[in-house]
Protein backbone atom coordinates (compact mmCIF):
# COMPACT_ATOMS: atom_id res chain seq x y z
CA UNK A 1 -0.42 -18.11 -10.03
CA UNK A 2 0.92 -14.92 -8.72
CA UNK A 3 -0.06 -13.72 -5.23
CA UNK A 4 -1.12 -9.97 -4.53
CA UNK A 5 -1.04 -7.86 -1.19
CA UNK A 6 -3.44 -5.10 -1.74
CA UNK A 7 -3.71 -1.80 0.25
CA UNK A 8 -6.13 1.16 0.65
CA UNK A 9 -5.32 4.26 2.66
CA UNK A 10 -5.87 7.84 3.12
CA UNK A 11 -2.84 10.40 3.01
CA UNK A 12 -3.40 14.05 3.93
CA UNK A 13 -2.73 16.14 0.70
CA UNK A 14 0.02 18.12 2.32
CA UNK A 15 1.79 14.94 3.28
CA UNK A 16 1.69 13.33 -0.20
CA UNK A 17 5.22 14.13 -0.88
CA UNK A 18 6.60 12.56 2.26
CA UNK A 19 4.27 9.54 1.53
CA UNK A 20 5.86 9.36 -2.05
CA UNK A 21 9.41 9.43 -0.57
CA UNK A 22 8.38 6.71 1.84
CA UNK A 23 6.99 4.36 -0.91
CA UNK A 24 9.93 5.04 -3.13
CA UNK A 25 12.17 3.43 -0.27
CA UNK A 26 9.52 0.76 0.29
CA UNK A 27 9.43 -0.11 -3.61
CA UNK A 28 13.06 -0.56 -3.58
CA UNK A 29 13.12 -2.73 -0.40
CA UNK A 30 10.26 -5.07 -1.71
CA UNK A 31 11.84 -5.31 -5.18
CA UNK A 32 15.35 -6.17 -3.48
CA UNK A 33 13.85 -8.90 -1.64
CA UNK A 34 12.04 -10.62 -4.41
CA UNK A 35 8.69 -8.88 -5.20
CA UNK A 36 7.63 -8.93 -8.94
CA UNK A 37 6.10 -5.64 -8.73
CA UNK A 38 5.07 -2.63 -6.45
CA UNK A 39 2.49 -0.05 -7.46
CA UNK A 40 1.27 3.08 -5.68
CA UNK A 41 -1.72 4.94 -7.24
CA UNK A 42 -3.50 8.28 -6.06
CA UNK A 43 -7.14 8.46 -6.25
CA UNK A 44 -8.09 10.70 -9.08
CA UNK A 45 -11.67 9.70 -9.68
CA UNK A 46 -13.08 8.23 -6.43
CA UNK A 47 -16.33 9.81 -5.43
CA UNK A 48 -17.55 9.61 -1.86
CA UNK A 49 -20.33 7.11 -2.22
CA UNK A 50 -23.70 7.08 -0.29
CA UNK A 51 -23.17 3.45 0.92
CA UNK A 52 -19.80 2.28 -0.07
CA UNK A 53 -16.77 3.86 -1.75
CA UNK A 54 -12.95 3.94 -1.50
CA UNK A 55 -13.08 7.26 0.62
CA UNK A 56 -15.73 5.84 2.65
CA UNK A 57 -13.87 2.43 3.46
CA UNK A 58 -10.86 4.34 4.82
CA UNK A 59 -12.90 7.24 6.24
CA UNK A 60 -11.14 9.87 3.92
CA UNK A 61 -11.34 13.45 5.14
CA UNK A 62 -11.77 16.41 2.85
CA UNK A 63 -8.03 17.17 2.92
CA UNK A 64 -6.95 13.72 2.17
CA UNK A 65 -6.44 11.60 -0.95
CA UNK A 66 -7.06 7.77 -1.42
CA UNK A 67 -4.26 5.58 -2.12
CA UNK A 68 -4.64 2.31 -3.79
CA UNK A 69 -1.54 0.02 -4.06
CA UNK A 70 -0.47 -3.49 -4.61
CA UNK A 71 2.54 -5.66 -4.48
CA UNK A 72 2.80 -8.84 -6.46
CA UNK A 73 4.82 -12.15 -5.75
CA UNK A 74 5.46 -15.53 -7.51
CA UNK A 75 3.22 -17.13 -4.62
CA UNK A 76 1.89 -16.88 -1.21
CA UNK A 77 4.93 -18.95 -0.05
CA UNK A 78 7.05 -16.32 -1.81
CA UNK A 79 5.25 -13.40 -0.41
CA UNK A 80 5.87 -14.68 3.17
CA UNK A 81 9.64 -15.27 2.52
CA UNK A 82 9.80 -11.71 0.95
CA UNK A 83 7.67 -9.83 3.70
CA UNK A 84 9.97 -11.54 6.47
CA UNK A 85 13.03 -10.08 4.80
CA UNK A 86 11.35 -6.66 4.21
CA UNK A 87 10.28 -6.58 8.02
CA UNK A 88 13.89 -7.05 9.02
CA UNK A 89 15.34 -4.35 6.61
CA UNK A 90 16.60 -1.38 8.47
CA UNK A 91 15.76 0.79 5.50
CA UNK A 92 12.01 0.64 6.56
CA UNK A 93 12.46 1.24 10.31
CA UNK A 94 10.85 4.72 11.18
CA UNK A 95 9.10 5.94 14.06
CA UNK A 96 5.49 5.13 13.71
CA UNK A 97 4.65 8.84 14.89
CA UNK A 98 6.27 10.17 11.86
CA UNK A 99 4.25 8.15 9.32
CA UNK A 100 2.69 10.37 6.85
CA UNK A 101 -0.85 8.63 7.19
CA UNK A 102 -3.00 7.13 9.81
CA UNK A 103 -2.20 3.41 9.67
CA UNK A 104 -5.37 2.64 11.87
CA UNK A 105 -7.53 3.38 8.82
CA UNK A 106 -5.28 1.46 6.18
CA UNK A 107 -7.12 -1.66 4.82
CA UNK A 108 -4.87 -4.46 3.50
CA UNK A 109 -5.28 -8.22 2.62
CA UNK A 110 -3.62 -10.93 0.49
CA UNK A 111 -5.23 -12.17 -2.72
CA UNK A 112 -4.78 -15.09 -4.98
CA UNK A 113 -5.16 -14.47 -8.72
CA UNK A 114 -8.28 -15.07 -10.45
CA UNK A 115 -7.98 -13.72 -13.90
CA UNK A 116 -4.97 -12.16 -15.58
CA UNK A 117 -4.42 -11.22 -19.29
């Protein structure tokens, strides 16, 4: 079964172009090192809920959009192998201060596949 890394974060609307450029490089790097797919999505219909919601989870501000993304791999072992290569790839090295989002509010985790059609 495939393995999935999932991500949820908030990006300031005025930094969305910079974020997109960063993700285009990221997609290239992950795919070059063996990921099966790399997907980035911008929230379009994600209301701020009273108790729980995507925006609430990342403490999104009025001037931010929610990003939901995932990367798929053949297995958890393959994910670990790919990510080790990705972290060593110089194309991704950038000053953390220049990141177009607040990494402290990013949620991420690894998931095993349950259902797929």
